[in-house]
Amino acid sequence: MKLWEESDEEVRRISPDKEIAKSIEKMIKVRLKALEVKDKKEFASLVVEDYYEIIKESITALMAVDGYKTLSHEVLVGFLKNFYRQFTEEEIFLIDQLRILRNKIAYKGFFINYDYLKRNEPKIKPIILKLTKTLNEKIK
């Protein structure tokens, strides 16, 4: 994860944009619905990747509402850590771990063992709920 203070060159200030955030929120709902039909044992890697994408999109939407934009996934995690203190160090660590795993899956064909998903899903789901609730409050 890149610390927010170290990311000046990778962040742009934009006009706060609730409409982009609302559109992203709709996509998050679609992704969550699609997850309900995936066989988690067979598709553990894709489920982990989807969970990360939902988290990433939630943070991207929060950034849009707050008037920021970045293409760096590391900066997204740093943004959340810096501006949304309701997320614990453990939650930030897990989000960053998911970011790293997602990159391995996407770029190296890495496979996640179902046991990893089984152990971590009870921690991932509350993070997603917390993020979507935070986002929903900001765009209302």
Protein backbone atom coordinates (compact mmCIF):
# COMPACT_ATOMS: atom_id res chain seq x y z
CA MET A 1 0.00 0.00 0.00
CA LYS A 2 1.19 3.47 -0.79
CA LEU A 3 0.78 6.05 1.94
CA TRP A 4 -1.49 8.93 1.01
CA GLU A 5 1.27 11.43 1.79
CA GLU A 6 3.50 9.73 -0.81
CA SER A 7 0.98 9.75 -3.64
CA ASP A 8 0.82 13.36 -4.85
CA GLU A 9 1.89 12.47 -8.37
CA GLU A 10 -0.68 9.68 -8.69
CA VAL A 11 -3.74 11.63 -7.52
CA ARG A 12 -5.74 14.25 -9.36
CA ARG A 13 -8.17 16.68 -7.78
CA ILE A 14 -11.52 16.64 -9.54
CA SER A 15 -14.87 18.24 -8.88
CA PRO A 16 -16.74 16.10 -6.37
CA ASP A 17 -19.00 13.86 -8.43
CA LYS A 18 -21.90 12.06 -6.78
CA GLU A 19 -23.26 10.88 -10.13
CA ILE A 20 -20.17 8.81 -10.87
CA ALA A 21 -20.36 7.42 -7.35
CA LYS A 22 -24.04 6.50 -7.84
CA SER A 23 -23.24 4.74 -11.10
CA ILE A 24 -20.40 2.81 -9.48
CA GLU A 25 -22.73 1.91 -6.61
CA LYS A 26 -25.11 0.30 -9.12
CA MET A 27 -22.25 -1.79 -10.53
CA ILE A 28 -21.30 -2.88 -7.02
CA LYS A 29 -24.86 -4.17 -6.52
CA VAL A 30 -24.63 -6.10 -9.80
CA ARG A 31 -21.30 -7.65 -8.77
CA LEU A 32 -22.71 -8.64 -5.38
CA LYS A 33 -25.71 -10.26 -7.02
CA ALA A 34 -23.47 -12.14 -9.48
CA LEU A 35 -21.43 -13.49 -6.56
CA GLU A 36 -24.52 -15.21 -5.18
CA VAL A 37 -24.56 -17.69 -8.07
CA LYS A 38 -20.86 -18.58 -8.20
CA ASP A 39 -19.72 -21.90 -6.81
CA LYS A 40 -17.21 -20.71 -4.22
CA LYS A 41 -15.31 -23.99 -4.05
CA GLU A 42 -14.81 -24.22 -7.79
CA PHE A 43 -14.30 -20.51 -8.39
CA ALA A 44 -12.51 -19.37 -5.21
CA SER A 45 -10.00 -17.29 -7.17
CA LEU A 46 -12.72 -15.48 -9.10
CA VAL A 47 -14.74 -14.87 -5.94
CA VAL A 48 -11.71 -13.33 -4.21
CA GLU A 49 -11.07 -11.23 -7.30
CA ASP A 50 -14.73 -10.11 -7.32
CA TYR A 51 -14.61 -9.19 -3.63
CA TYR A 52 -11.54 -7.05 -4.30
CA GLU A 53 -13.19 -5.41 -7.31
CA ILE A 54 -16.19 -4.48 -5.16
CA ILE A 55 -13.89 -2.99 -2.53
CA LYS A 56 -11.86 -1.15 -5.17
CA GLU A 57 -14.97 0.26 -6.81
CA SER A 58 -16.35 1.36 -3.44
CA ILE A 59 -13.17 3.27 -2.64
CA THR A 60 -13.08 4.74 -6.16
CA ALA A 61 -16.64 6.01 -5.64
CA LEU A 62 -15.71 7.50 -2.26
CA MET A 63 -12.78 9.26 -3.92
CA ALA A 64 -15.10 10.67 -6.60
CA VAL A 65 -17.48 12.06 -3.98
CA ASP A 66 -14.53 13.57 -2.12
CA GLY A 67 -13.07 15.10 -5.28
CA TYR A 68 -10.14 12.79 -6.03
CA LYS A 69 -9.16 10.40 -8.81
CA THR A 70 -6.34 7.88 -9.14
CA LEU A 71 -5.49 4.92 -11.31
CA SER A 72 -3.30 3.37 -8.61
CA HIS A 73 -4.86 0.61 -6.56
CA GLU A 74 -2.18 1.15 -3.91
CA VAL A 75 -3.23 4.79 -3.60
CA LEU A 76 -6.87 3.73 -3.21
CA VAL A 77 -5.96 1.75 -0.10
CA GLY A 78 -3.85 4.65 1.21
CA PHE A 79 -6.77 7.02 0.62
CA LEU A 80 -9.12 4.84 2.64
CA LYS A 81 -6.61 4.52 5.47
CA ASN A 82 -5.99 8.27 5.58
CA PHE A 83 -9.51 9.67 5.23
CA TYR A 84 -11.79 6.96 6.61
CA ARG A 85 -10.47 6.22 10.07
CA GLN A 86 -13.45 3.99 10.89
CA PHE A 87 -11.58 1.25 9.03
CA THR A 88 -9.22 -0.61 11.34
CA GLU A 89 -5.60 -1.47 10.63
CA GLU A 90 -6.69 -5.11 10.28
CA GLU A 91 -9.31 -4.18 7.67
CA ILE A 92 -6.83 -2.03 5.74
CA PHE A 93 -4.30 -4.87 5.86
CA LEU A 94 -6.85 -7.35 4.50
CA ILE A 95 -7.88 -4.95 1.71
CA ASP A 96 -4.24 -4.54 0.75
CA GLN A 97 -3.73 -8.31 0.87
CA LEU A 98 -6.72 -8.73 -1.46
CA ARG A 99 -5.18 -6.15 -3.81
CA ILE A 100 -1.97 -8.17 -3.99
CA LEU A 101 -3.86 -11.44 -4.50
CA ARG A 102 -6.01 -9.90 -7.21
CA ASN A 103 -2.87 -8.83 -9.08
CA LYS A 104 -1.46 -12.37 -8.83
CA ILE A 105 -4.74 -13.79 -10.10
CA ALA A 106 -5.08 -11.30 -12.95
CA TYR A 107 -1.48 -11.20 -14.12
CA LYS A 108 0.04 -14.55 -13.13
CA GLY A 109 -2.88 -16.97 -13.25
CA PHE A 110 -2.62 -17.57 -9.50
CA PHE A 111 -5.20 -19.88 -7.95
CA ILE A 112 -6.66 -19.27 -4.50
CA ASN A 113 -7.35 -22.28 -2.31
CA TYR A 114 -10.95 -22.49 -1.13
CA ASP A 115 -9.70 -22.64 2.48
CA TYR A 116 -8.37 -19.08 2.13
CA LEU A 117 -11.80 -17.90 1.03
CA LYS A 118 -13.55 -19.85 3.78
CA ARG A 119 -11.25 -18.31 6.45
CA ASN A 120 -11.39 -14.75 5.14
CA GLU A 121 -14.89 -14.32 3.75
CA PRO A 122 -16.33 -13.65 7.24
CA LYS A 123 -13.91 -10.69 7.45
CA ILE A 124 -14.35 -9.51 3.85
CA LYS A 125 -18.14 -9.29 3.87
CA PRO A 126 -18.29 -6.84 6.83
CA ILE A 127 -15.68 -4.64 5.11
CA ILE A 128 -17.83 -4.53 1.98
CA LEU A 129 -20.92 -3.77 4.05
CA LYS A 130 -19.08 -0.99 5.88
CA LEU A 131 -17.80 0.48 2.61
CA THR A 132 -21.18 0.37 0.86
CA LYS A 133 -22.90 1.89 3.90
CA THR A 134 -20.29 4.67 4.05
CA LEU A 135 -20.69 5.29 0.31
CA ASN A 136 -24.48 5.29 0.54
CA GLU A 137 -24.37 7.88 3.33
CA LYS A 138 -22.06 10.13 1.28
CA ILE A 139 -24.15 10.09 -1.89
CA LYS A 140 -27.55 10.67 -0.30
